[in-house]
Amino acid sequence: MRKKQDNSLLTEVELEFMTVVWATGGGTVRDILAVLNKAQERAYTSVATVLKIMEQKGFLTSEREDRSLIYPPAIPKTEYQKTSLKNLSSKLFNGAPAALVARLVEDEEVTDDMLVEMRALLNERLGDNEN
């Protein structure tokens, strides 16, 4: 039996499209297609279909302008990031954000400079400006 898709998260393709929409503030199918085609050639109808699905899922809205639909984002990027991290923390780290951070800190690709930046962010959040 097929598992029901979680409509609160974007698929990989939808996230690629949404990244363009967030960066540009939205646009027509042709506008979004032009940006997407810089990385990979896509058909107009495919882009139009994905944008319509994203609108149905609540990630985009549509506004008619002359004979075209404009697709602006329905949710800010920061809100989606927050939702995605909560979902990741819940599903992969048993709802323990500290476990997520611990895994990130253990990653050998995280440089000392990145760790210093993380520490500064934590200190700021905790109201502690001392190192």
N, C-alpha and C. Protein backbone atom coordinates (compact mmCIF):
# COMPACT_ATOMS: atom_id res chain seq x y z
N MET A 1 0.84 -1.18 0.00
CA MET A 1 0.00 0.00 0.00
C MET A 1 0.88 1.24 0.00
N ARG A 2 0.51 2.22 -0.80
CA ARG A 2 1.30 3.44 -0.94
C ARG A 2 1.06 4.38 0.23
N LYS A 3 2.16 4.95 0.73
CA LYS A 3 2.09 5.88 1.86
C LYS A 3 1.59 7.24 1.36
N LYS A 4 0.70 7.86 2.13
CA LYS A 4 0.17 9.18 1.77
C LYS A 4 1.28 10.22 1.85
N GLN A 5 1.36 11.05 0.84
CA GLN A 5 2.40 12.07 0.77
C GLN A 5 2.13 13.18 1.78
N ASP A 6 3.19 13.65 2.42
CA ASP A 6 3.11 14.75 3.37
C ASP A 6 3.12 16.07 2.59
N ASN A 7 1.98 16.75 2.55
CA ASN A 7 1.87 17.99 1.78
C ASN A 7 2.43 19.20 2.51
N SER A 8 2.97 19.01 3.72
CA SER A 8 3.55 20.15 4.43
C SER A 8 5.01 20.37 4.02
N LEU A 9 5.56 19.42 3.26
CA LEU A 9 6.94 19.54 2.80
C LEU A 9 6.99 19.50 1.27
N LEU A 10 7.97 20.18 0.74
CA LEU A 10 8.17 20.21 -0.70
C LEU A 10 8.96 18.99 -1.16
N THR A 11 8.66 18.50 -2.35
CA THR A 11 9.49 17.46 -2.95
C THR A 11 10.79 18.13 -3.40
N GLU A 12 11.75 17.35 -3.83
CA GLU A 12 13.03 17.90 -4.29
C GLU A 12 12.84 18.86 -5.46
N VAL A 13 12.01 18.49 -6.42
CA VAL A 13 11.75 19.34 -7.58
C VAL A 13 11.01 20.60 -7.14
N GLU A 14 10.00 20.44 -6.30
CA GLU A 14 9.25 21.60 -5.82
C GLU A 14 10.14 22.57 -5.05
N LEU A 15 11.07 22.04 -4.27
CA LEU A 15 11.99 22.89 -3.53
C LEU A 15 12.88 23.69 -4.49
N GLU A 16 13.30 23.06 -5.57
CA GLU A 16 14.09 23.76 -6.59
C GLU A 16 13.28 24.92 -7.18
N PHE A 17 12.02 24.66 -7.48
CA PHE A 17 11.14 25.70 -8.03
C PHE A 17 10.91 26.79 -6.98
N MET A 18 10.65 26.37 -5.75
CA MET A 18 10.34 27.33 -4.68
C MET A 18 11.53 28.22 -4.39
N THR A 19 12.74 27.69 -4.51
CA THR A 19 13.95 28.48 -4.31
C THR A 19 14.00 29.63 -5.33
N VAL A 20 13.61 29.33 -6.56
CA VAL A 20 13.55 30.37 -7.60
C VAL A 20 12.47 31.39 -7.25
N VAL A 21 11.31 30.92 -6.81
CA VAL A 21 10.22 31.83 -6.46
C VAL A 21 10.62 32.74 -5.30
N TRP A 22 11.26 32.18 -4.27
CA TRP A 22 11.70 33.00 -3.14
C TRP A 22 12.74 34.02 -3.59
N ALA A 23 13.66 33.61 -4.45
CA ALA A 23 14.73 34.50 -4.90
C ALA A 23 14.21 35.64 -5.77
N THR A 24 13.18 35.35 -6.57
CA THR A 24 12.68 36.34 -7.52
C THR A 24 11.44 37.06 -7.02
N GLY A 25 10.82 36.53 -5.98
CA GLY A 25 9.55 37.10 -5.51
C GLY A 25 8.36 36.57 -6.28
N GLY A 26 8.61 35.65 -7.19
CA GLY A 26 7.55 35.06 -7.99
C GLY A 26 7.60 35.55 -9.43
N GLY A 27 6.67 35.06 -10.21
CA GLY A 27 6.62 35.46 -11.61
C GLY A 27 5.68 34.56 -12.39
N THR A 28 5.67 34.76 -13.69
CA THR A 28 4.86 33.93 -14.57
C THR A 28 5.57 32.59 -14.77
N VAL A 29 4.88 31.68 -15.41
CA VAL A 29 5.50 30.40 -15.75
C VAL A 29 6.75 30.66 -16.59
N ARG A 30 6.66 31.56 -17.55
CA ARG A 30 7.81 31.86 -18.41
C ARG A 30 8.98 32.44 -17.62
N ASP A 31 8.68 33.32 -16.66
CA ASP A 31 9.74 33.91 -15.82
C ASP A 31 10.48 32.83 -15.04
N ILE A 32 9.72 31.95 -14.42
CA ILE A 32 10.31 30.89 -13.59
C ILE A 32 11.03 29.88 -14.47
N LEU A 33 10.44 29.56 -15.61
CA LEU A 33 11.06 28.65 -16.58
C LEU A 33 12.42 29.18 -17.03
N ALA A 34 12.50 30.48 -17.29
CA ALA A 34 13.76 31.08 -17.76
C ALA A 34 14.88 30.89 -16.74
N VAL A 35 14.56 31.04 -15.46
CA VAL A 35 15.58 30.86 -14.42
C VAL A 35 15.93 29.39 -14.28
N LEU A 36 14.92 28.52 -14.24
CA LEU A 36 15.17 27.08 -14.08
C LEU A 36 15.98 26.52 -15.25
N ASN A 37 15.72 27.02 -16.47
CA ASN A 37 16.40 26.48 -17.65
C ASN A 37 17.88 26.85 -17.71
N LYS A 38 18.33 27.76 -16.85
CA LYS A 38 19.76 28.06 -16.78
C LYS A 38 20.52 26.85 -16.24
N ALA A 39 19.87 26.06 -15.40
CA ALA A 39 20.51 24.88 -14.80
C ALA A 39 20.17 23.60 -15.57
N GLN A 40 18.90 23.49 -15.99
CA GLN A 40 18.44 22.27 -16.67
C GLN A 40 17.23 22.60 -17.53
N GLU A 41 17.23 22.13 -18.76
CA GLU A 41 16.15 22.41 -19.71
C GLU A 41 14.86 21.73 -19.25
N ARG A 42 13.78 22.51 -19.23
CA ARG A 42 12.48 21.99 -18.83
C ARG A 42 11.42 22.46 -19.84
N ALA A 43 10.34 21.72 -19.91
CA ALA A 43 9.24 22.10 -20.78
C ALA A 43 8.30 23.06 -20.06
N TYR A 44 7.73 23.98 -20.82
CA TYR A 44 6.78 24.96 -20.28
C TYR A 44 5.65 24.26 -19.54
N THR A 45 5.08 23.22 -20.15
CA THR A 45 3.93 22.55 -19.54
C THR A 45 4.30 21.86 -18.23
N SER A 46 5.51 21.33 -18.15
CA SER A 46 5.96 20.68 -16.91
C SER A 46 6.07 21.70 -15.79
N VAL A 47 6.64 22.85 -16.09
CA VAL A 47 6.79 23.91 -15.08
C VAL A 47 5.41 24.40 -14.65
N ALA A 48 4.51 24.60 -15.61
CA ALA A 48 3.16 25.06 -15.30
C ALA A 48 2.44 24.06 -14.39
N THR A 49 2.61 22.78 -14.66
CA THR A 49 1.97 21.74 -13.86
C THR A 49 2.50 21.74 -12.43
N VAL A 50 3.82 21.81 -12.27
CA VAL A 50 4.41 21.81 -10.93
C VAL A 50 3.98 23.05 -10.15
N LEU A 51 3.95 24.20 -10.79
CA LEU A 51 3.53 25.43 -10.12
C LEU A 51 2.07 25.32 -9.67
N LYS A 52 1.22 24.73 -10.48
CA LYS A 52 -0.19 24.55 -10.12
C LYS A 52 -0.31 23.61 -8.91
N ILE A 53 0.46 22.55 -8.90
CA ILE A 53 0.45 21.61 -7.77
C ILE A 53 0.91 22.33 -6.50
N MET A 54 1.96 23.13 -6.63
CA MET A 54 2.47 23.87 -5.46
C MET A 54 1.45 24.88 -4.95
N GLU A 55 0.67 25.44 -5.86
CA GLU A 55 -0.41 26.33 -5.44
C GLU A 55 -1.48 25.55 -4.68
N GLN A 56 -1.84 24.38 -5.19
CA GLN A 56 -2.84 23.54 -4.53
C GLN A 56 -2.38 23.09 -3.15
N LYS A 57 -1.07 22.88 -2.99
CA LYS A 57 -0.51 22.48 -1.70
C LYS A 57 -0.37 23.66 -0.74
N GLY A 58 -0.56 24.89 -1.25
CA GLY A 58 -0.52 26.07 -0.40
C GLY A 58 0.83 26.76 -0.31
N PHE A 59 1.78 26.39 -1.14
CA PHE A 59 3.09 27.02 -1.13
C PHE A 59 3.14 28.29 -1.99
N LEU A 60 2.26 28.36 -2.98
CA LEU A 60 2.18 29.51 -3.88
C LEU A 60 0.75 30.02 -3.91
N THR A 61 0.60 31.27 -4.32
CA THR A 61 -0.71 31.80 -4.67
C THR A 61 -0.62 32.17 -6.15
N SER A 62 -1.74 32.53 -6.74
CA SER A 62 -1.69 32.99 -8.13
C SER A 62 -2.55 34.24 -8.26
N GLU A 63 -2.05 35.14 -9.08
CA GLU A 63 -2.74 36.39 -9.34
C GLU A 63 -2.76 36.60 -10.85
N ARG A 64 -3.93 36.92 -11.36
CA ARG A 64 -4.04 37.15 -12.80
C ARG A 64 -3.57 38.55 -13.12
N GLU A 65 -2.66 38.63 -14.10
CA GLU A 65 -2.17 39.92 -14.59
C GLU A 65 -2.23 39.86 -16.11
N ASP A 66 -3.10 40.64 -16.69
CA ASP A 66 -3.39 40.57 -18.12
C ASP A 66 -3.83 39.15 -18.45
N ARG A 67 -3.09 38.47 -19.30
CA ARG A 67 -3.48 37.10 -19.69
C ARG A 67 -2.63 36.04 -19.01
N SER A 68 -1.79 36.46 -18.07
CA SER A 68 -0.88 35.51 -17.42
C SER A 68 -1.20 35.38 -15.94
N LEU A 69 -0.79 34.27 -15.37
CA LEU A 69 -0.85 34.09 -13.93
C LEU A 69 0.53 34.39 -13.35
N ILE A 70 0.55 35.13 -12.27
CA ILE A 70 1.78 35.41 -11.53
C ILE A 70 1.74 34.53 -10.29
N TYR A 71 2.83 33.84 -10.01
CA TYR A 71 2.91 32.94 -8.87
C TYR A 71 3.87 33.50 -7.81
N PRO A 72 3.35 34.24 -6.81
CA PRO A 72 4.20 34.66 -5.69
C PRO A 72 4.20 33.60 -4.59
N PRO A 73 5.19 33.62 -3.71
CA PRO A 73 5.21 32.64 -2.61
C PRO A 73 4.07 32.91 -1.63
N ALA A 74 3.49 31.84 -1.11
CA ALA A 74 2.43 31.96 -0.10
C ALA A 74 3.04 31.93 1.31
N ILE A 75 4.23 31.35 1.42
CA ILE A 75 4.90 31.30 2.72
C ILE A 75 6.34 31.79 2.56
N PRO A 76 6.84 32.50 3.57
CA PRO A 76 8.23 32.96 3.50
C PRO A 76 9.21 31.79 3.64
N LYS A 77 10.38 31.99 3.10
CA LYS A 77 11.42 30.96 3.15
C LYS A 77 11.75 30.59 4.60
N THR A 78 11.84 31.58 5.48
CA THR A 78 12.18 31.30 6.89
C THR A 78 11.13 30.42 7.57
N GLU A 79 9.86 30.63 7.21
CA GLU A 79 8.80 29.79 7.79
C GLU A 79 8.94 28.35 7.32
N TYR A 80 9.25 28.16 6.03
CA TYR A 80 9.43 26.81 5.51
C TYR A 80 10.66 26.14 6.13
N GLN A 81 11.74 26.90 6.30
CA GLN A 81 12.94 26.35 6.94
C GLN A 81 12.61 25.85 8.34
N LYS A 82 11.86 26.64 9.08
CA LYS A 82 11.48 26.27 10.45
C LYS A 82 10.65 24.97 10.45
N THR A 83 9.67 24.89 9.56
CA THR A 83 8.83 23.69 9.45
C THR A 83 9.66 22.48 9.08
N SER A 84 10.57 22.65 8.12
CA SER A 84 11.40 21.53 7.66
C SER A 84 12.33 21.03 8.76
N LEU A 85 12.92 21.96 9.50
CA LEU A 85 13.82 21.55 10.59
C LEU A 85 13.06 20.85 11.72
N LYS A 86 11.87 21.33 12.02
CA LYS A 86 11.05 20.66 13.04
C LYS A 86 10.72 19.24 12.59
N ASN A 87 10.38 19.10 11.30
CA ASN A 87 10.06 17.78 10.76
C ASN A 87 11.28 16.86 10.81
N LEU A 88 12.43 17.39 10.41
CA LEU A 88 13.67 16.61 10.44
C LEU A 88 14.01 16.20 11.87
N SER A 89 13.93 17.15 12.78
CA SER A 89 14.23 16.87 14.19
C SER A 89 13.29 15.80 14.73
N SER A 90 12.02 15.91 14.39
CA SER A 90 11.02 14.96 14.88
C SER A 90 11.24 13.55 14.32
N LYS A 91 11.43 13.46 13.01
CA LYS A 91 11.50 12.15 12.36
C LYS A 91 12.86 11.46 12.51
N LEU A 92 13.94 12.23 12.46
CA LEU A 92 15.26 11.63 12.42
C LEU A 92 16.00 11.69 13.75
N PHE A 93 15.61 12.64 14.61
CA PHE A 93 16.32 12.84 15.86
C PHE A 93 15.39 12.75 17.07
N ASN A 94 14.28 12.03 16.91
CA ASN A 94 13.32 11.79 17.99
C ASN A 94 12.88 13.07 18.70
N GLY A 95 12.73 14.13 17.96
CA GLY A 95 12.25 15.38 18.53
C GLY A 95 13.24 16.08 19.44
N ALA A 96 14.52 15.71 19.35
CA ALA A 96 15.55 16.30 20.21
C ALA A 96 16.46 17.19 19.38
N PRO A 97 16.20 18.50 19.38
CA PRO A 97 17.05 19.41 18.60
C PRO A 97 18.53 19.32 18.97
N ALA A 98 18.83 19.02 20.24
CA ALA A 98 20.23 18.90 20.66
C ALA A 98 20.92 17.76 19.91
N ALA A 99 20.20 16.68 19.62
CA ALA A 99 20.77 15.56 18.87
C ALA A 99 21.08 15.99 17.43
N LEU A 100 20.22 16.81 16.86
CA LEU A 100 20.45 17.34 15.52
C LEU A 100 21.70 18.20 15.51
N VAL A 101 21.83 19.09 16.49
CA VAL A 101 22.99 19.97 16.58
C VAL A 101 24.26 19.15 16.83
N ALA A 102 24.17 18.14 17.71
CA ALA A 102 25.32 17.29 18.01
C ALA A 102 25.81 16.59 16.74
N ARG A 103 24.88 16.09 15.95
CA ARG A 103 25.26 15.42 14.70
C ARG A 103 25.92 16.40 13.74
N LEU A 104 25.40 17.60 13.69
CA LEU A 104 25.96 18.64 12.83
C LEU A 104 27.38 18.99 13.28
N VAL A 105 27.58 19.14 14.57
CA VAL A 105 28.89 19.51 15.12
C VAL A 105 29.91 18.39 14.88
N GLU A 106 29.45 17.14 14.90
CA GLU A 106 30.35 16.00 14.70
C GLU A 106 30.77 15.85 13.23
N ASP A 107 30.05 16.49 12.32
CA ASP A 107 30.34 16.38 10.90
C ASP A 107 31.72 16.95 10.61
N GLU A 108 32.58 16.15 10.00
CA GLU A 108 33.95 16.56 9.72
C GLU A 108 34.02 17.68 8.68
N GLU A 109 32.96 17.88 7.91
CA GLU A 109 32.95 18.93 6.91
C GLU A 109 32.65 20.30 7.52
N VAL A 110 32.20 20.34 8.76
CA VAL A 110 31.94 21.60 9.44
C VAL A 110 33.29 22.14 9.93
N THR A 111 33.65 23.30 9.42
CA THR A 111 34.96 23.88 9.74
C THR A 111 34.94 24.56 11.10
N ASP A 112 36.13 24.86 11.61
CA ASP A 112 36.24 25.59 12.87
C ASP A 112 35.57 26.95 12.77
N ASP A 113 35.70 27.60 11.63
CA ASP A 113 35.04 28.90 11.44
C ASP A 113 33.52 28.76 11.55
N MET A 114 32.97 27.70 10.98
CA MET A 114 31.53 27.46 11.08
C MET A 114 31.12 27.23 12.53
N LEU A 115 31.94 26.48 13.27
CA LEU A 115 31.64 26.23 14.68
C LEU A 115 31.68 27.52 15.49
N VAL A 116 32.65 28.39 15.20
CA VAL A 116 32.73 29.68 15.89
C VAL A 116 31.46 30.50 15.60
N GLU A 117 31.00 30.46 14.35
CA GLU A 117 29.79 31.18 13.98
C GLU A 117 28.57 30.60 14.73
N MET A 118 28.50 29.27 14.83
CA MET A 118 27.41 28.62 15.57
C MET A 118 27.44 29.02 17.04
N ARG A 119 28.63 29.04 17.62
CA ARG A 119 28.77 29.43 19.02
C ARG A 119 28.28 30.86 19.22
N ALA A 120 28.64 31.75 18.31
CA ALA A 120 28.21 33.15 18.41
C ALA A 120 26.69 33.25 18.35
N LEU A 121 26.07 32.46 17.48
CA LEU A 121 24.61 32.46 17.38
C LEU A 121 23.96 31.94 18.66
N LEU A 122 24.54 30.88 19.23
CA LEU A 122 24.01 30.34 20.49
C LEU A 122 24.19 31.34 21.62
N ASN A 123 25.35 31.96 21.69
CA ASN A 123 25.60 32.96 22.73
C ASN A 123 24.63 34.13 22.61
N GLU A 124 24.36 34.55 21.38
CA GLU A 124 23.42 35.64 21.15
C GLU A 124 22.02 35.25 21.62
N ARG A 125 21.63 34.05 21.28
CA ARG A 125 20.28 33.55 21.67
C ARG A 125 20.16 33.44 23.18
N LEU A 126 21.24 33.03 23.84
CA LEU A 126 21.24 32.87 25.29
C LEU A 126 21.48 34.20 26.03
N GLY A 127 21.77 35.24 25.26
CA GLY A 127 22.02 36.54 25.87
C GLY A 127 23.38 36.63 26.53
N ASP A 128 24.30 35.81 26.07
CA ASP A 128 25.63 35.76 26.64
C ASP A 128 26.63 36.18 25.57
N ASN A 129 27.19 37.37 25.70
CA ASN A 129 28.12 37.87 24.68
C ASN A 129 29.55 37.49 24.96
N GLU A 130 29.79 36.76 26.04
CA GLU A 130 31.14 36.31 26.36
C GLU A 130 31.38 34.97 25.70
N ASN A 131 32.63 34.65 25.36
CA ASN A 131 32.96 33.35 24.77
C ASN A 131 33.32 32.37 25.79
